[in-house]
All heavy atoms as atom14 arrays in JSON, in Angstrom:
{
  "sequence": "AHDLAENVQRIAFFDEFAQQGGSLIAGGAEGRLHRWQSPLRLSLEF",
  "atom14_mask": [
    [1, 1, 1, 1, 1, 0, 0, 0, 0, 0, 0, 0, 0, 0],
    [1, 1, 1, 1, 1, 1, 1, 1, 1, 1, 0, 0, 0, 0],
    [1, 1, 1, 1, 1, 1, 1, 1, 0, 0, 0, 0, 0, 0],
    [1, 1, 1, 1, 1, 1, 1, 1, 0, 0, 0, 0, 0, 0],
    [1, 1, 1, 1, 1, 0, 0, 0, 0, 0, 0, 0, 0, 0],
    [1, 1, 1, 1, 1, 1, 1, 1, 1, 0, 0, 0, 0, 0],
    [1, 1, 1, 1, 1, 1, 1, 1, 0, 0, 0, 0, 0, 0],
    [1, 1, 1, 1, 1, 1, 1, 0, 0, 0, 0, 0, 0, 0],
    [1, 1, 1, 1, 1, 1, 1, 1, 1, 0, 0, 0, 0, 0],
    [1, 1, 1, 1, 1, 1, 1, 1, 1, 1, 1, 0, 0, 0],
    [1, 1, 1, 1, 1, 1, 1, 1, 0, 0, 0, 0, 0, 0],
    [1, 1, 1, 1, 1, 0, 0, 0, 0, 0, 0, 0, 0, 0],
    [1, 1, 1, 1, 1, 1, 1, 1, 1, 1, 1, 0, 0, 0],
    [1, 1, 1, 1, 1, 1, 1, 1, 1, 1, 1, 0, 0, 0],
    [1, 1, 1, 1, 1, 1, 1, 1, 0, 0, 0, 0, 0, 0],
    [1, 1, 1, 1, 1, 1, 1, 1, 1, 0, 0, 0, 0, 0],
    [1, 1, 1, 1, 1, 1, 1, 1, 1, 1, 1, 0, 0, 0],
    [1, 1, 1, 1, 1, 0, 0, 0, 0, 0, 0, 0, 0, 0],
    [1, 1, 1, 1, 1, 1, 1, 1, 1, 0, 0, 0, 0, 0],
    [1, 1, 1, 1, 1, 1, 1, 1, 1, 0, 0, 0, 0, 0],
    [1, 1, 1, 1, 0, 0, 0, 0, 0, 0, 0, 0, 0, 0],
    [1, 1, 1, 1, 0, 0, 0, 0, 0, 0, 0, 0, 0, 0],
    [1, 1, 1, 1, 1, 1, 0, 0, 0, 0, 0, 0, 0, 0],
    [1, 1, 1, 1, 1, 1, 1, 1, 0, 0, 0, 0, 0, 0],
    [1, 1, 1, 1, 1, 1, 1, 1, 0, 0, 0, 0, 0, 0],
    [1, 1, 1, 1, 1, 0, 0, 0, 0, 0, 0, 0, 0, 0],
    [1, 1, 1, 1, 0, 0, 0, 0, 0, 0, 0, 0, 0, 0],
    [1, 1, 1, 1, 0, 0, 0, 0, 0, 0, 0, 0, 0, 0],
    [1, 1, 1, 1, 1, 0, 0, 0, 0, 0, 0, 0, 0, 0],
    [1, 1, 1, 1, 1, 1, 1, 1, 1, 0, 0, 0, 0, 0],
    [1, 1, 1, 1, 0, 0, 0, 0, 0, 0, 0, 0, 0, 0],
    [1, 1, 1, 1, 1, 1, 1, 1, 1, 1, 1, 0, 0, 0],
    [1, 1, 1, 1, 1, 1, 1, 1, 0, 0, 0, 0, 0, 0],
    [1, 1, 1, 1, 1, 1, 1, 1, 1, 1, 0, 0, 0, 0],
    [1, 1, 1, 1, 1, 1, 1, 1, 1, 1, 1, 0, 0, 0],
    [1, 1, 1, 1, 1, 1, 1, 1, 1, 1, 1, 1, 1, 1],
    [1, 1, 1, 1, 1, 1, 1, 1, 1, 0, 0, 0, 0, 0],
    [1, 1, 1, 1, 1, 1, 0, 0, 0, 0, 0, 0, 0, 0],
    [1, 1, 1, 1, 1, 1, 1, 0, 0, 0, 0, 0, 0, 0],
    [1, 1, 1, 1, 1, 1, 1, 1, 0, 0, 0, 0, 0, 0],
    [1, 1, 1, 1, 1, 1, 1, 1, 1, 1, 1, 0, 0, 0],
    [1, 1, 1, 1, 1, 1, 1, 1, 0, 0, 0, 0, 0, 0],
    [1, 1, 1, 1, 1, 1, 0, 0, 0, 0, 0, 0, 0, 0],
    [1, 1, 1, 1, 1, 1, 1, 1, 0, 0, 0, 0, 0, 0],
    [1, 1, 1, 1, 1, 1, 1, 1, 1, 0, 0, 0, 0, 0],
    [1, 1, 1, 1, 1, 1, 1, 1, 1, 1, 1, 0, 0, 0]
  ],
  "atom14_positions": [
    [[-3.89, -4.15, 30.72], [-3.93, -3.48, 29.41], [-5.35, -3.39, 28.88], [-5.73, -2.39, 28.26], [-3.02, -4.22, 28.43], [0.0, 0.0, 0.0], [0.0, 0.0, 0.0], [0.0, 0.0, 0.0], [0.0, 0.0, 0.0], [0.0, 0.0, 0.0], [0.0, 0.0, 0.0], [0.0, 0.0, 0.0], [0.0, 0.0, 0.0], [0.0, 0.0, 0.0]],
    [[-6.15, -4.41, 29.12], [-7.54, -4.4, 28.67], [-8.32, -3.28, 29.37], [-9.06, -2.53, 28.73], [-8.19, -5.75, 28.94], [-9.65, -5.8, 28.6], [-10.12, -5.86, 27.3], [-10.75, -5.77, 29.4], [-11.44, -5.89, 27.31], [-11.84, -5.84, 28.57], [0.0, 0.0, 0.0], [0.0, 0.0, 0.0], [0.0, 0.0, 0.0], [0.0, 0.0, 0.0]],
    [[-8.14, -3.18, 30.7], [-8.82, -2.12, 31.45], [-8.39, -0.75, 30.94], [-9.21, 0.15, 30.74], [-8.48, -2.22, 32.94], [-8.92, -3.53, 33.56], [-9.99, -4.04, 33.17], [-8.19, -4.04, 34.43], [0.0, 0.0, 0.0], [0.0, 0.0, 0.0], [0.0, 0.0, 0.0], [0.0, 0.0, 0.0], [0.0, 0.0, 0.0], [0.0, 0.0, 0.0]],
    [[-7.09, -0.59, 30.75], [-6.55, 0.69, 30.31], [-7.14, 1.09, 28.96], [-7.58, 2.24, 28.79], [-5.03, 0.6, 30.22], [-4.29, 1.82, 29.67], [-4.52, 3.04, 30.54], [-2.78, 1.51, 29.56], [0.0, 0.0, 0.0], [0.0, 0.0, 0.0], [0.0, 0.0, 0.0], [0.0, 0.0, 0.0], [0.0, 0.0, 0.0], [0.0, 0.0, 0.0]],
    [[-7.16, 0.17, 28.01], [-7.69, 0.48, 26.69], [-9.17, 0.85, 26.76], [-9.63, 1.81, 26.11], [-7.49, -0.71, 25.75], [0.0, 0.0, 0.0], [0.0, 0.0, 0.0], [0.0, 0.0, 0.0], [0.0, 0.0, 0.0], [0.0, 0.0, 0.0], [0.0, 0.0, 0.0], [0.0, 0.0, 0.0], [0.0, 0.0, 0.0], [0.0, 0.0, 0.0]],
    [[-9.94, 0.09, 27.54], [-11.37, 0.39, 27.65], [-11.61, 1.74, 28.31], [-12.5, 2.49, 27.9], [-12.07, -0.72, 28.45], [-12.3, -1.99, 27.67], [-13.45, -2.8, 28.24], [-13.85, -2.56, 29.4], [-13.96, -3.67, 27.51], [0.0, 0.0, 0.0], [0.0, 0.0, 0.0], [0.0, 0.0, 0.0], [0.0, 0.0, 0.0], [0.0, 0.0, 0.0]],
    [[-10.82, 2.06, 29.32], [-11.01, 3.33, 30.01], [-10.67, 4.51, 29.11], [-11.36, 5.54, 29.13], [-10.18, 3.36, 31.3], [-10.76, 2.46, 32.36], [-11.97, 2.27, 32.43], [-9.91, 1.88, 33.2], [0.0, 0.0, 0.0], [0.0, 0.0, 0.0], [0.0, 0.0, 0.0], [0.0, 0.0, 0.0], [0.0, 0.0, 0.0], [0.0, 0.0, 0.0]],
    [[-9.63, 4.4, 28.31], [-9.31, 5.47, 27.36], [-10.48, 5.69, 26.41], [-10.87, 6.83, 26.12], [-8.03, 5.15, 26.57], [-7.84, 6.13, 25.43], [-6.81, 5.17, 27.49], [0.0, 0.0, 0.0], [0.0, 0.0, 0.0], [0.0, 0.0, 0.0], [0.0, 0.0, 0.0], [0.0, 0.0, 0.0], [0.0, 0.0, 0.0], [0.0, 0.0, 0.0]],
    [[-11.05, 4.61, 25.92], [-12.16, 4.74, 24.97], [-13.36, 5.42, 25.6], [-13.98, 6.3, 25.0], [-12.54, 3.35, 24.44], [-11.46, 2.72, 23.57], [-11.72, 1.25, 23.31], [-12.76, 0.9, 22.74], [-10.79, 0.39, 23.71], [0.0, 0.0, 0.0], [0.0, 0.0, 0.0], [0.0, 0.0, 0.0], [0.0, 0.0, 0.0], [0.0, 0.0, 0.0]],
    [[-13.71, 5.02, 26.83], [-14.86, 5.63, 27.5], [-14.63, 7.1, 27.82], [-15.53, 7.92, 27.75], [-15.17, 4.88, 28.81], [-15.62, 3.44, 28.64], [-16.09, 2.89, 29.97], [-16.27, 1.45, 29.92], [-15.41, 0.57, 30.42], [-14.3, 1.01, 31.02], [-15.63, -0.72, 30.34], [0.0, 0.0, 0.0], [0.0, 0.0, 0.0], [0.0, 0.0, 0.0]],
    [[-13.41, 7.42, 28.2], [-13.13, 8.76, 28.74], [-12.78, 9.76, 27.64], [-13.11, 10.95, 27.74], [-12.03, 8.67, 29.81], [-12.58, 7.91, 31.03], [-11.52, 10.04, 30.23], [-11.54, 7.54, 32.06], [0.0, 0.0, 0.0], [0.0, 0.0, 0.0], [0.0, 0.0, 0.0], [0.0, 0.0, 0.0], [0.0, 0.0, 0.0], [0.0, 0.0, 0.0]],
    [[-12.14, 9.32, 26.58], [-11.72, 10.25, 25.52], [-12.73, 10.38, 24.39], [-12.66, 11.36, 23.63], [-10.37, 9.8, 24.94], [0.0, 0.0, 0.0], [0.0, 0.0, 0.0], [0.0, 0.0, 0.0], [0.0, 0.0, 0.0], [0.0, 0.0, 0.0], [0.0, 0.0, 0.0], [0.0, 0.0, 0.0], [0.0, 0.0, 0.0], [0.0, 0.0, 0.0]],
    [[-13.67, 9.46, 24.27], [-14.56, 9.47, 23.11], [-16.02, 9.75, 23.44], [-16.86, 9.77, 22.54], [-14.46, 8.15, 22.34], [-13.2, 8.01, 21.54], [-12.04, 7.5, 22.11], [-13.16, 8.42, 20.22], [-10.87, 7.39, 21.37], [-12.0, 8.32, 19.47], [-10.86, 7.79, 20.05], [0.0, 0.0, 0.0], [0.0, 0.0, 0.0], [0.0, 0.0, 0.0]],
    [[-16.33, 9.97, 24.71], [-17.71, 10.26, 25.08], [-17.74, 11.53, 25.91], [-16.95, 11.7, 26.84], [-18.31, 9.1, 25.87], [-18.54, 7.86, 25.05], [-17.52, 6.94, 24.85], [-19.78, 7.63, 24.47], [-17.72, 5.81, 24.09], [-20.0, 6.5, 23.7], [-18.98, 5.59, 23.5], [0.0, 0.0, 0.0], [0.0, 0.0, 0.0], [0.0, 0.0, 0.0]],
    [[-18.66, 12.42, 25.58], [-18.82, 13.66, 26.33], [-19.46, 13.35, 27.68], [-20.35, 12.5, 27.79], [-19.71, 14.65, 25.58], [-19.06, 15.14, 24.3], [-17.83, 15.17, 24.24], [-19.81, 15.48, 23.36], [0.0, 0.0, 0.0], [0.0, 0.0, 0.0], [0.0, 0.0, 0.0], [0.0, 0.0, 0.0], [0.0, 0.0, 0.0], [0.0, 0.0, 0.0]],
    [[-19.04, 14.07, 28.7], [-19.61, 13.86, 30.02], [-21.02, 14.45, 30.13], [-21.88, 13.91, 30.82], [-18.71, 14.49, 31.1], [-19.14, 14.19, 32.52], [-18.16, 14.7, 33.55], [-17.16, 15.34, 33.18], [-18.39, 14.44, 34.75], [0.0, 0.0, 0.0], [0.0, 0.0, 0.0], [0.0, 0.0, 0.0], [0.0, 0.0, 0.0], [0.0, 0.0, 0.0]],
    [[-21.26, 15.54, 29.4], [-22.54, 16.22, 29.48], [-23.04, 16.58, 28.1], [-22.25, 16.71, 27.15], [-22.44, 17.5, 30.35], [-22.26, 17.2, 31.81], [-20.99, 17.0, 32.33], [-23.34, 17.1, 32.65], [-20.81, 16.7, 33.66], [-23.18, 16.8, 33.99], [-21.91, 16.61, 34.5], [0.0, 0.0, 0.0], [0.0, 0.0, 0.0], [0.0, 0.0, 0.0]],
    [[-24.35, 16.74, 27.99], [-24.98, 17.2, 26.76], [-25.86, 18.4, 27.09], [-26.23, 18.63, 28.24], [-25.82, 16.08, 26.14], [0.0, 0.0, 0.0], [0.0, 0.0, 0.0], [0.0, 0.0, 0.0], [0.0, 0.0, 0.0], [0.0, 0.0, 0.0], [0.0, 0.0, 0.0], [0.0, 0.0, 0.0], [0.0, 0.0, 0.0], [0.0, 0.0, 0.0]],
    [[-26.18, 19.17, 26.07], [-26.99, 20.36, 26.23], [-28.44, 20.03, 25.93], [-28.75, 19.41, 24.91], [-26.49, 21.44, 25.26], [-26.69, 22.84, 25.76], [-25.87, 23.83, 24.96], [-25.16, 24.63, 25.52], [-25.95, 23.78, 23.65], [0.0, 0.0, 0.0], [0.0, 0.0, 0.0], [0.0, 0.0, 0.0], [0.0, 0.0, 0.0], [0.0, 0.0, 0.0]],
    [[-29.34, 20.4, 26.83], [-30.76, 20.12, 26.61], [-31.58, 21.21, 27.28], [-31.49, 21.43, 28.48], [-31.14, 18.75, 27.17], [-32.57, 18.32, 26.87], [-32.87, 16.96, 27.43], [-33.34, 16.81, 28.55], [-32.6, 15.94, 26.64], [0.0, 0.0, 0.0], [0.0, 0.0, 0.0], [0.0, 0.0, 0.0], [0.0, 0.0, 0.0], [0.0, 0.0, 0.0]],
    [[-32.39, 21.89, 26.47], [-33.26, 22.92, 27.0], [-32.55, 24.03, 27.73], [-33.05, 24.53, 28.74], [0.0, 0.0, 0.0], [0.0, 0.0, 0.0], [0.0, 0.0, 0.0], [0.0, 0.0, 0.0], [0.0, 0.0, 0.0], [0.0, 0.0, 0.0], [0.0, 0.0, 0.0], [0.0, 0.0, 0.0], [0.0, 0.0, 0.0], [0.0, 0.0, 0.0]],
    [[-31.38, 24.4, 27.26], [-30.63, 25.48, 27.9], [-29.86, 25.07, 29.14], [-29.29, 25.91, 29.82], [0.0, 0.0, 0.0], [0.0, 0.0, 0.0], [0.0, 0.0, 0.0], [0.0, 0.0, 0.0], [0.0, 0.0, 0.0], [0.0, 0.0, 0.0], [0.0, 0.0, 0.0], [0.0, 0.0, 0.0], [0.0, 0.0, 0.0], [0.0, 0.0, 0.0]],
    [[-29.84, 23.76, 29.43], [-29.11, 23.27, 30.59], [-28.18, 22.15, 30.16], [-28.3, 21.59, 29.07], [-30.08, 22.74, 31.66], [-30.95, 23.77, 32.1], [0.0, 0.0, 0.0], [0.0, 0.0, 0.0], [0.0, 0.0, 0.0], [0.0, 0.0, 0.0], [0.0, 0.0, 0.0], [0.0, 0.0, 0.0], [0.0, 0.0, 0.0], [0.0, 0.0, 0.0]],
    [[-27.23, 21.82, 31.04], [-26.33, 20.71, 30.81], [-26.83, 19.5, 31.59], [-27.11, 19.6, 32.78], [-24.9, 21.06, 31.26], [-24.25, 22.26, 30.56], [-22.82, 22.42, 31.03], [-24.3, 22.13, 29.05], [0.0, 0.0, 0.0], [0.0, 0.0, 0.0], [0.0, 0.0, 0.0], [0.0, 0.0, 0.0], [0.0, 0.0, 0.0], [0.0, 0.0, 0.0]],
    [[-26.94, 18.36, 30.89], [-27.4, 17.14, 31.54], [-26.34, 16.05, 31.36], [-25.57, 16.07, 30.41], [-28.75, 16.66, 30.98], [-28.62, 16.34, 29.48], [-29.83, 17.7, 31.22], [-29.83, 15.65, 28.9], [0.0, 0.0, 0.0], [0.0, 0.0, 0.0], [0.0, 0.0, 0.0], [0.0, 0.0, 0.0], [0.0, 0.0, 0.0], [0.0, 0.0, 0.0]],
    [[-26.3, 15.1, 32.29], [-25.32, 14.02, 32.23], [-25.62, 13.1, 31.06], [-26.77, 12.9, 30.66], [-25.33, 13.23, 33.54], [0.0, 0.0, 0.0], [0.0, 0.0, 0.0], [0.0, 0.0, 0.0], [0.0, 0.0, 0.0], [0.0, 0.0, 0.0], [0.0, 0.0, 0.0], [0.0, 0.0, 0.0], [0.0, 0.0, 0.0], [0.0, 0.0, 0.0]],
    [[-24.56, 12.53, 30.49], [-24.74, 11.53, 29.44], [-24.56, 12.05, 28.04], [-25.52, 12.13, 27.28], [0.0, 0.0, 0.0], [0.0, 0.0, 0.0], [0.0, 0.0, 0.0], [0.0, 0.0, 0.0], [0.0, 0.0, 0.0], [0.0, 0.0, 0.0], [0.0, 0.0, 0.0], [0.0, 0.0, 0.0], [0.0, 0.0, 0.0], [0.0, 0.0, 0.0]],
    [[-23.35, 12.44, 27.69], [-23.08, 12.93, 26.35], [-22.92, 11.79, 25.35], [-22.77, 10.62, 25.72], [0.0, 0.0, 0.0], [0.0, 0.0, 0.0], [0.0, 0.0, 0.0], [0.0, 0.0, 0.0], [0.0, 0.0, 0.0], [0.0, 0.0, 0.0], [0.0, 0.0, 0.0], [0.0, 0.0, 0.0], [0.0, 0.0, 0.0], [0.0, 0.0, 0.0]],
    [[-22.93, 12.14, 24.08], [-22.86, 11.15, 23.02], [-21.42, 10.8, 22.67], [-20.48, 11.48, 23.07], [-23.58, 11.69, 21.78], [0.0, 0.0, 0.0], [0.0, 0.0, 0.0], [0.0, 0.0, 0.0], [0.0, 0.0, 0.0], [0.0, 0.0, 0.0], [0.0, 0.0, 0.0], [0.0, 0.0, 0.0], [0.0, 0.0, 0.0], [0.0, 0.0, 0.0]],
    [[-21.28, 9.72, 21.9], [-19.97, 9.36, 21.38], [-19.5, 10.4, 20.39], [-20.28, 10.92, 19.59], [-20.04, 7.99, 20.71], [-18.71, 7.53, 20.12], [-18.81, 6.18, 19.43], [-19.65, 5.35, 19.85], [-18.03, 5.94, 18.48], [0.0, 0.0, 0.0], [0.0, 0.0, 0.0], [0.0, 0.0, 0.0], [0.0, 0.0, 0.0], [0.0, 0.0, 0.0]],
    [[-18.24, 10.72, 20.43], [-17.69, 11.72, 19.53], [-16.36, 11.28, 18.95], [-15.96, 10.12, 19.08], [0.0, 0.0, 0.0], [0.0, 0.0, 0.0], [0.0, 0.0, 0.0], [0.0, 0.0, 0.0], [0.0, 0.0, 0.0], [0.0, 0.0, 0.0], [0.0, 0.0, 0.0], [0.0, 0.0, 0.0], [0.0, 0.0, 0.0], [0.0, 0.0, 0.0]],
    [[-15.69, 12.22, 18.33], [-14.36, 11.96, 17.78], [-13.29, 12.28, 18.82], [-13.56, 12.93, 19.82], [-14.15, 12.83, 16.54], [-15.15, 12.61, 15.42], [-14.91, 13.6, 14.3], [-15.13, 14.99, 14.74], [-14.59, 16.06, 14.15], [-13.77, 15.9, 13.12], [-14.84, 17.27, 14.6], [0.0, 0.0, 0.0], [0.0, 0.0, 0.0], [0.0, 0.0, 0.0]],
    [[-12.09, 11.84, 18.54], [-10.98, 12.15, 19.42], [-10.59, 13.62, 19.24], [-10.4, 14.09, 18.12], [-9.79, 11.24, 19.11], [-8.57, 11.36, 20.03], [-7.91, 10.0, 20.21], [-7.54, 12.35, 19.5], [0.0, 0.0, 0.0], [0.0, 0.0, 0.0], [0.0, 0.0, 0.0], [0.0, 0.0, 0.0], [0.0, 0.0, 0.0], [0.0, 0.0, 0.0]],
    [[-10.49, 14.32, 20.34], [-10.06, 15.72, 20.36], [-8.83, 15.84, 21.25], [-8.75, 15.2, 22.31], [-11.16, 16.63, 20.89], [-12.28, 16.87, 19.93], [-13.21, 15.91, 19.61], [-12.6, 17.98, 19.21], [-14.08, 16.41, 18.74], [-13.73, 17.65, 18.48], [0.0, 0.0, 0.0], [0.0, 0.0, 0.0], [0.0, 0.0, 0.0], [0.0, 0.0, 0.0]],
    [[-7.9, 16.66, 20.85], [-6.74, 16.96, 21.68], [-6.06, 18.21, 21.15], [-6.45, 18.75, 20.12], [-5.77, 15.77, 21.71], [-5.01, 15.53, 20.43], [-4.14, 14.3, 20.48], [-3.3, 14.19, 19.29], [-2.67, 13.08, 18.92], [-2.8, 11.97, 19.64], [-1.91, 13.07, 17.83], [0.0, 0.0, 0.0], [0.0, 0.0, 0.0], [0.0, 0.0, 0.0]],
    [[-5.04, 18.67, 21.87], [-4.27, 19.83, 21.47], [-3.17, 19.41, 20.5], [-2.56, 18.36, 20.66], [-3.64, 20.5, 22.68], [-4.62, 21.14, 23.61], [-5.4, 20.5, 24.52], [-4.91, 22.53, 23.71], [-6.17, 21.42, 25.19], [-5.89, 22.67, 24.71], [-4.44, 23.66, 23.06], [-6.41, 23.9, 25.09], [-4.95, 24.89, 23.43], [-5.92, 25.01, 24.43]],
    [[-2.92, 20.25, 19.53], [-1.79, 20.07, 18.63], [-0.76, 21.18, 18.83], [0.41, 21.01, 18.53], [-2.26, 20.05, 17.17], [-3.17, 18.87, 16.82], [-2.46, 17.54, 16.81], [-2.39, 16.85, 17.83], [-1.9, 17.16, 15.67], [0.0, 0.0, 0.0], [0.0, 0.0, 0.0], [0.0, 0.0, 0.0], [0.0, 0.0, 0.0], [0.0, 0.0, 0.0]],
    [[-1.22, 22.32, 19.3], [-0.35, 23.49, 19.47], [0.06, 23.63, 20.93], [-0.57, 23.06, 21.83], [-1.08, 24.75, 19.02], [-2.31, 24.89, 19.71], [0.0, 0.0, 0.0], [0.0, 0.0, 0.0], [0.0, 0.0, 0.0], [0.0, 0.0, 0.0], [0.0, 0.0, 0.0], [0.0, 0.0, 0.0], [0.0, 0.0, 0.0], [0.0, 0.0, 0.0]],
    [[1.12, 24.39, 21.23], [1.54, 24.59, 22.61], [0.45, 25.25, 23.46], [-0.34, 26.05, 22.97], [2.76, 25.52, 22.46], [3.26, 25.28, 21.08], [2.04, 25.02, 20.25], [0.0, 0.0, 0.0], [0.0, 0.0, 0.0], [0.0, 0.0, 0.0], [0.0, 0.0, 0.0], [0.0, 0.0, 0.0], [0.0, 0.0, 0.0], [0.0, 0.0, 0.0]],
    [[0.44, 24.88, 24.74], [-0.52, 25.46, 25.68], [0.14, 26.62, 26.42], [1.24, 26.49, 26.95], [-0.98, 24.41, 26.69], [-2.24, 23.63, 26.33], [-1.93, 22.62, 25.24], [-2.79, 22.92, 27.56], [0.0, 0.0, 0.0], [0.0, 0.0, 0.0], [0.0, 0.0, 0.0], [0.0, 0.0, 0.0], [0.0, 0.0, 0.0], [0.0, 0.0, 0.0]],
    [[-0.58, 27.71, 26.48], [-0.17, 28.88, 27.26], [-1.22, 29.06, 28.35], [-2.3, 29.56, 28.1], [-0.07, 30.11, 26.36], [0.84, 29.93, 25.16], [0.9, 31.19, 24.3], [-0.42, 31.62, 23.85], [-1.05, 31.13, 22.77], [-0.48, 30.19, 22.03], [-2.25, 31.57, 22.44], [0.0, 0.0, 0.0], [0.0, 0.0, 0.0], [0.0, 0.0, 0.0]],
    [[-0.88, 28.63, 29.55], [-1.87, 28.56, 30.63], [-1.66, 29.71, 31.61], [-0.53, 30.0, 32.0], [-1.75, 27.22, 31.34], [-2.79, 26.88, 32.38], [-3.12, 25.38, 32.34], [-2.32, 27.27, 33.79], [0.0, 0.0, 0.0], [0.0, 0.0, 0.0], [0.0, 0.0, 0.0], [0.0, 0.0, 0.0], [0.0, 0.0, 0.0], [0.0, 0.0, 0.0]],
    [[-2.77, 30.33, 31.99], [-2.7, 31.39, 33.0], [-3.67, 31.09, 34.13], [-4.75, 30.54, 33.91], [-3.03, 32.76, 32.39], [-4.41, 32.85, 32.08], [0.0, 0.0, 0.0], [0.0, 0.0, 0.0], [0.0, 0.0, 0.0], [0.0, 0.0, 0.0], [0.0, 0.0, 0.0], [0.0, 0.0, 0.0], [0.0, 0.0, 0.0], [0.0, 0.0, 0.0]],
    [[-3.26, 31.43, 35.34], [-4.15, 31.39, 36.5], [-4.58, 32.82, 36.79], [-3.73, 33.72, 36.93], [-3.44, 30.81, 37.72], [-3.59, 29.3, 37.94], [-2.88, 28.54, 36.84], [-3.06, 28.91, 39.31], [0.0, 0.0, 0.0], [0.0, 0.0, 0.0], [0.0, 0.0, 0.0], [0.0, 0.0, 0.0], [0.0, 0.0, 0.0], [0.0, 0.0, 0.0]],
    [[-5.88, 33.03, 36.88], [-6.42, 34.35, 37.17], [-7.21, 34.27, 38.47], [-8.24, 33.59, 38.55], [-7.29, 34.85, 36.02], [-6.52, 34.97, 34.71], [-7.36, 35.53, 33.57], [-8.49, 35.98, 33.84], [-6.89, 35.5, 32.43], [0.0, 0.0, 0.0], [0.0, 0.0, 0.0], [0.0, 0.0, 0.0], [0.0, 0.0, 0.0], [0.0, 0.0, 0.0]],
    [[-6.71, 34.95, 39.49], [-7.3, 34.88, 40.81], [-8.25, 36.05, 41.04], [-7.98, 37.18, 40.65], [-6.21, 34.91, 41.88], [-5.26, 33.74, 41.82], [-4.04, 33.87, 41.19], [-5.61, 32.53, 42.39], [-3.17, 32.79, 41.13], [-4.74, 31.46, 42.34], [-3.53, 31.58, 41.71], [0.0, 0.0, 0.0], [0.0, 0.0, 0.0], [0.0, 0.0, 0.0]]
  ]
}
C-alpha cells in the first residue's frame, strides 16, 4: 500500500516533460490532479 500510494503521487501529480526554448525536456514540475469528468469519445484514425 505504501508503494502504491507513493507511485500514484509521483505519476499523477508531476508532469513528465516541461517546455523550454521551444522544445520539450524531461522533468516537469509538480502540478494539480487532472482527470476526465465527462464521457470519453475515442476514435482511431489510421
